[in-house]
Amino acid sequence: MNVPDIILDLLEAQKNFDSKAYAACFLETALVYDENETHTGQEEIMKWNEKTNETYQTQLEALEISTNNTTNILTTRVSGTFEGSPIVLKYHFELKDEKINSLKITG
């Protein structure tokens, strides 16, 4: 798989439950869309990731990546302490200046 470095950095941060490093993968003004909620900016993204880590202890396994125009779509197997674990989710990344500008997580 040819995964952009910043996405690899995000996967490594998640593996280590490092919310600060996770948020640093995003632009200051980045957006994350997950479970019908929008999280704006690095600080809010860090808090969202901390809460998710505490609640679900989420681990991601990259399965495949594809590109659709300007979006990198990473298919992942997501496991953790949630009902139905593991599940397959798609992470839709838009990159800008070698950082993540937006991330939308879908089923």
N, C-alpha and C. Protein backbone atom coordinates (compact mmCIF):
# COMPACT_ATOMS: atom_id res chain seq x y z
N MET A 1 0.85 -1.20 0.00
CA MET A 1 0.00 0.00 0.00
C MET A 1 0.88 1.24 0.00
N ASN A 2 0.49 2.22 -0.77
CA ASN A 2 1.21 3.48 -0.84
C ASN A 2 0.44 4.52 -0.02
N VAL A 3 0.68 4.53 1.28
CA VAL A 3 -0.04 5.41 2.21
C VAL A 3 0.79 6.66 2.46
N PRO A 4 0.20 7.86 2.32
CA PRO A 4 0.94 9.09 2.62
C PRO A 4 1.51 9.08 4.04
N ASP A 5 2.69 9.67 4.18
CA ASP A 5 3.39 9.66 5.47
C ASP A 5 2.54 10.21 6.61
N ILE A 6 1.79 11.28 6.37
CA ILE A 6 1.01 11.88 7.46
C ILE A 6 -0.08 10.93 7.95
N ILE A 7 -0.61 10.10 7.07
CA ILE A 7 -1.60 9.10 7.48
C ILE A 7 -0.92 7.99 8.27
N LEU A 8 0.28 7.61 7.86
CA LEU A 8 1.05 6.64 8.65
C LEU A 8 1.35 7.19 10.04
N ASP A 9 1.67 8.49 10.12
CA ASP A 9 1.90 9.13 11.42
C ASP A 9 0.66 9.06 12.30
N LEU A 10 -0.51 9.30 11.69
CA LEU A 10 -1.77 9.25 12.43
C LEU A 10 -2.03 7.83 12.95
N LEU A 11 -1.79 6.83 12.11
CA LEU A 11 -1.99 5.44 12.53
C LEU A 11 -1.06 5.08 13.69
N GLU A 12 0.17 5.55 13.63
CA GLU A 12 1.13 5.28 14.71
C GLU A 12 0.70 5.97 16.00
N ALA A 13 0.23 7.21 15.89
CA ALA A 13 -0.24 7.94 17.08
C ALA A 13 -1.43 7.21 17.70
N GLN A 14 -2.35 6.71 16.87
CA GLN A 14 -3.50 5.98 17.39
C GLN A 14 -3.06 4.68 18.06
N LYS A 15 -2.12 3.99 17.45
CA LYS A 15 -1.60 2.74 18.02
C LYS A 15 -1.06 2.96 19.43
N ASN A 16 -0.45 4.13 19.64
CA ASN A 16 0.15 4.47 20.94
C ASN A 16 -0.79 5.26 21.85
N PHE A 17 -2.05 5.44 21.43
CA PHE A 17 -3.03 6.24 22.18
C PHE A 17 -2.46 7.62 22.52
N ASP A 18 -1.74 8.23 21.57
CA ASP A 18 -1.10 9.53 21.75
C ASP A 18 -1.95 10.60 21.07
N SER A 19 -2.89 11.16 21.81
CA SER A 19 -3.83 12.13 21.25
C SER A 19 -3.14 13.41 20.79
N LYS A 20 -2.08 13.80 21.48
CA LYS A 20 -1.35 15.01 21.08
C LYS A 20 -0.69 14.81 19.71
N ALA A 21 -0.02 13.68 19.53
CA ALA A 21 0.61 13.37 18.24
C ALA A 21 -0.46 13.17 17.16
N TYR A 22 -1.59 12.58 17.53
CA TYR A 22 -2.70 12.39 16.60
C TYR A 22 -3.18 13.74 16.07
N ALA A 23 -3.44 14.67 16.98
CA ALA A 23 -3.93 16.00 16.59
C ALA A 23 -2.90 16.77 15.78
N ALA A 24 -1.62 16.54 16.05
CA ALA A 24 -0.55 17.24 15.32
C ALA A 24 -0.51 16.84 13.85
N CYS A 25 -1.17 15.77 13.47
CA CYS A 25 -1.23 15.36 12.07
C CYS A 25 -2.17 16.25 11.26
N PHE A 26 -2.96 17.06 11.94
CA PHE A 26 -3.98 17.89 11.30
C PHE A 26 -3.53 19.35 11.22
N LEU A 27 -4.06 20.06 10.23
CA LEU A 27 -3.89 21.51 10.18
C LEU A 27 -4.61 22.14 11.37
N GLU A 28 -4.21 23.34 11.75
CA GLU A 28 -4.85 24.05 12.86
C GLU A 28 -6.36 24.19 12.66
N THR A 29 -6.79 24.34 11.40
CA THR A 29 -8.20 24.59 11.09
C THR A 29 -8.92 23.35 10.56
N ALA A 30 -8.33 22.19 10.75
CA ALA A 30 -8.88 20.95 10.19
C ALA A 30 -10.23 20.60 10.80
N LEU A 31 -10.95 19.75 10.07
CA LEU A 31 -12.26 19.25 10.50
C LEU A 31 -12.25 17.73 10.54
N VAL A 32 -12.91 17.17 11.56
CA VAL A 32 -13.14 15.73 11.63
C VAL A 32 -14.64 15.52 11.76
N TYR A 33 -15.20 14.64 10.91
CA TYR A 33 -16.61 14.27 10.96
C TYR A 33 -16.69 12.81 11.39
N ASP A 34 -17.35 12.57 12.52
CA ASP A 34 -17.47 11.20 13.02
C ASP A 34 -18.75 11.09 13.84
N GLU A 35 -19.52 10.05 13.60
CA GLU A 35 -20.75 9.78 14.35
C GLU A 35 -21.65 11.01 14.44
N ASN A 36 -21.88 11.66 13.29
CA ASN A 36 -22.77 12.83 13.17
C ASN A 36 -22.30 14.03 13.97
N GLU A 37 -21.02 14.10 14.29
CA GLU A 37 -20.45 15.25 14.99
C GLU A 37 -19.28 15.79 14.20
N THR A 38 -19.07 17.11 14.30
CA THR A 38 -17.93 17.77 13.67
C THR A 38 -17.01 18.29 14.75
N HIS A 39 -15.72 18.03 14.58
CA HIS A 39 -14.70 18.50 15.52
C HIS A 39 -13.77 19.41 14.72
N THR A 40 -13.59 20.64 15.19
CA THR A 40 -12.86 21.66 14.44
C THR A 40 -11.59 22.07 15.16
N GLY A 41 -10.48 22.02 14.46
CA GLY A 41 -9.20 22.48 14.99
C GLY A 41 -8.48 21.42 15.80
N GLN A 42 -7.16 21.60 15.92
CA GLN A 42 -6.33 20.60 16.59
C GLN A 42 -6.75 20.34 18.03
N GLU A 43 -7.08 21.38 18.77
CA GLU A 43 -7.43 21.21 20.19
C GLU A 43 -8.69 20.34 20.34
N GLU A 44 -9.71 20.66 19.55
CA GLU A 44 -10.96 19.89 19.63
C GLU A 44 -10.75 18.46 19.13
N ILE A 45 -9.93 18.30 18.09
CA ILE A 45 -9.63 16.96 17.58
C ILE A 45 -8.88 16.15 18.63
N MET A 46 -7.96 16.78 19.34
CA MET A 46 -7.22 16.09 20.40
C MET A 46 -8.18 15.63 21.50
N LYS A 47 -9.10 16.49 21.92
CA LYS A 47 -10.06 16.13 22.97
C LYS A 47 -10.98 14.99 22.51
N TRP A 48 -11.43 15.05 21.26
CA TRP A 48 -12.27 13.99 20.70
C TRP A 48 -11.51 12.66 20.70
N ASN A 49 -10.24 12.69 20.27
CA ASN A 49 -9.44 11.47 20.23
C ASN A 49 -9.17 10.93 21.62
N GLU A 50 -8.90 11.81 22.59
CA GLU A 50 -8.70 11.38 23.98
C GLU A 50 -9.94 10.67 24.50
N LYS A 51 -11.11 11.26 24.26
CA LYS A 51 -12.37 10.68 24.74
C LYS A 51 -12.61 9.32 24.08
N THR A 52 -12.38 9.25 22.77
CA THR A 52 -12.56 7.99 22.05
C THR A 52 -11.61 6.92 22.58
N ASN A 53 -10.36 7.31 22.83
CA ASN A 53 -9.38 6.35 23.36
C ASN A 53 -9.79 5.84 24.74
N GLU A 54 -10.24 6.75 25.60
CA GLU A 54 -10.66 6.36 26.95
C GLU A 54 -11.88 5.45 26.92
N THR A 55 -12.82 5.77 26.04
CA THR A 55 -14.07 5.03 25.99
C THR A 55 -13.94 3.69 25.27
N TYR A 56 -13.23 3.68 24.14
CA TYR A 56 -13.24 2.50 23.27
C TYR A 56 -11.88 1.82 23.09
N GLN A 57 -10.80 2.46 23.50
CA GLN A 57 -9.45 1.90 23.29
C GLN A 57 -9.28 1.43 21.85
N THR A 58 -9.58 2.32 20.93
CA THR A 58 -9.62 2.02 19.50
C THR A 58 -8.26 1.68 18.92
N GLN A 59 -8.22 0.61 18.15
CA GLN A 59 -7.04 0.24 17.37
C GLN A 59 -7.45 0.14 15.90
N LEU A 60 -6.57 0.61 15.02
CA LEU A 60 -6.84 0.62 13.58
C LEU A 60 -5.86 -0.29 12.86
N GLU A 61 -6.39 -1.05 11.91
CA GLU A 61 -5.56 -1.86 11.03
C GLU A 61 -5.87 -1.45 9.60
N ALA A 62 -4.88 -0.92 8.90
CA ALA A 62 -5.07 -0.50 7.51
C ALA A 62 -5.26 -1.73 6.63
N LEU A 63 -6.33 -1.72 5.83
CA LEU A 63 -6.60 -2.84 4.93
C LEU A 63 -6.27 -2.48 3.48
N GLU A 64 -6.67 -1.28 3.05
CA GLU A 64 -6.37 -0.83 1.69
C GLU A 64 -6.55 0.68 1.61
N ILE A 65 -5.93 1.27 0.60
CA ILE A 65 -6.09 2.70 0.37
C ILE A 65 -6.39 2.92 -1.10
N SER A 66 -7.25 3.90 -1.36
CA SER A 66 -7.55 4.30 -2.73
C SER A 66 -7.63 5.82 -2.77
N THR A 67 -7.61 6.36 -3.97
CA THR A 67 -7.69 7.80 -4.14
C THR A 67 -8.86 8.12 -5.05
N ASN A 68 -9.66 9.12 -4.64
CA ASN A 68 -10.79 9.59 -5.42
C ASN A 68 -10.66 11.10 -5.52
N ASN A 69 -10.19 11.59 -6.67
CA ASN A 69 -9.90 13.01 -6.86
C ASN A 69 -8.86 13.46 -5.84
N THR A 70 -9.25 14.27 -4.86
CA THR A 70 -8.31 14.79 -3.86
C THR A 70 -8.42 14.07 -2.53
N THR A 71 -9.19 13.00 -2.48
CA THR A 71 -9.43 12.30 -1.22
C THR A 71 -8.72 10.95 -1.21
N ASN A 72 -7.97 10.70 -0.13
CA ASN A 72 -7.39 9.38 0.13
C ASN A 72 -8.38 8.62 1.01
N ILE A 73 -8.81 7.45 0.57
CA ILE A 73 -9.79 6.66 1.32
C ILE A 73 -9.08 5.43 1.87
N LEU A 74 -8.93 5.40 3.19
CA LEU A 74 -8.27 4.29 3.86
C LEU A 74 -9.33 3.39 4.48
N THR A 75 -9.38 2.15 4.03
CA THR A 75 -10.28 1.16 4.62
C THR A 75 -9.55 0.52 5.79
N THR A 76 -10.21 0.52 6.95
CA THR A 76 -9.57 0.02 8.17
C THR A 76 -10.45 -0.99 8.89
N ARG A 77 -9.80 -1.87 9.60
CA ARG A 77 -10.49 -2.74 10.56
C ARG A 77 -10.28 -2.07 11.91
N VAL A 78 -11.39 -1.69 12.54
CA VAL A 78 -11.35 -0.96 13.81
C VAL A 78 -11.79 -1.90 14.92
N SER A 79 -10.94 -2.03 15.92
CA SER A 79 -11.28 -2.87 17.07
C SER A 79 -11.16 -2.05 18.34
N GLY A 80 -11.81 -2.54 19.37
CA GLY A 80 -11.77 -1.84 20.66
C GLY A 80 -12.80 -2.43 21.59
N THR A 81 -13.13 -1.66 22.62
CA THR A 81 -14.06 -2.13 23.64
C THR A 81 -15.47 -1.64 23.36
N PHE A 82 -15.92 -1.77 22.12
CA PHE A 82 -17.27 -1.37 21.75
C PHE A 82 -18.01 -2.58 21.19
N GLU A 83 -19.32 -2.53 21.30
CA GLU A 83 -20.16 -3.62 20.81
C GLU A 83 -19.98 -3.79 19.31
N GLY A 84 -19.82 -5.02 18.88
CA GLY A 84 -19.67 -5.30 17.46
C GLY A 84 -18.23 -5.29 16.97
N SER A 85 -17.29 -5.04 17.88
CA SER A 85 -15.88 -4.99 17.50
C SER A 85 -15.41 -6.36 17.02
N PRO A 86 -14.64 -6.41 15.95
CA PRO A 86 -14.17 -5.31 15.11
C PRO A 86 -15.17 -4.98 14.00
N ILE A 87 -15.02 -3.76 13.46
CA ILE A 87 -15.83 -3.32 12.32
C ILE A 87 -14.90 -2.75 11.26
N VAL A 88 -15.41 -2.65 10.05
CA VAL A 88 -14.64 -2.04 8.96
C VAL A 88 -15.21 -0.65 8.71
N LEU A 89 -14.33 0.35 8.75
CA LEU A 89 -14.72 1.73 8.49
C LEU A 89 -13.81 2.32 7.43
N LYS A 90 -14.32 3.35 6.76
CA LYS A 90 -13.53 4.07 5.76
C LYS A 90 -13.18 5.45 6.32
N TYR A 91 -11.91 5.78 6.23
CA TYR A 91 -11.39 7.08 6.65
C TYR A 91 -11.09 7.87 5.39
N HIS A 92 -11.86 8.94 5.17
CA HIS A 92 -11.72 9.79 3.98
C HIS A 92 -10.85 11.00 4.36
N PHE A 93 -9.62 11.03 3.88
CA PHE A 93 -8.67 12.08 4.21
C PHE A 93 -8.53 13.06 3.05
N GLU A 94 -8.62 14.35 3.35
CA GLU A 94 -8.21 15.38 2.41
C GLU A 94 -6.96 16.01 2.99
N LEU A 95 -5.88 16.00 2.20
CA LEU A 95 -4.60 16.51 2.67
C LEU A 95 -4.32 17.88 2.07
N LYS A 96 -3.56 18.68 2.82
CA LYS A 96 -3.14 20.00 2.36
C LYS A 96 -1.83 20.33 3.06
N ASP A 97 -0.84 20.76 2.30
CA ASP A 97 0.46 21.13 2.87
C ASP A 97 1.04 20.02 3.76
N GLU A 98 0.90 18.78 3.29
CA GLU A 98 1.44 17.60 3.98
C GLU A 98 0.84 17.36 5.37
N LYS A 99 -0.36 17.89 5.59
CA LYS A 99 -1.12 17.66 6.83
C LYS A 99 -2.53 17.24 6.42
N ILE A 100 -3.31 16.82 7.41
CA ILE A 100 -4.70 16.44 7.16
C ILE A 100 -5.56 17.68 7.31
N ASN A 101 -6.30 18.01 6.25
CA ASN A 101 -7.20 19.16 6.27
C ASN A 101 -8.59 18.74 6.73
N SER A 102 -9.00 17.52 6.37
CA SER A 102 -10.28 17.01 6.85
C SER A 102 -10.25 15.49 6.86
N LEU A 103 -11.05 14.94 7.76
CA LEU A 103 -11.22 13.50 7.90
C LEU A 103 -12.69 13.23 8.13
N LYS A 104 -13.24 12.35 7.30
CA LYS A 104 -14.62 11.91 7.48
C LYS A 104 -14.59 10.40 7.64
N ILE A 105 -15.19 9.91 8.73
CA ILE A 105 -15.21 8.48 9.01
C ILE A 105 -16.60 7.94 8.70
N THR A 106 -16.66 6.92 7.84
CA THR A 106 -17.94 6.35 7.43
C THR A 106 -17.92 4.83 7.57
N GLY A 107 -19.15 4.26 7.63
CA GLY A 107 -19.28 2.81 7.76
C GLY A 107 -19.19 2.09 6.46
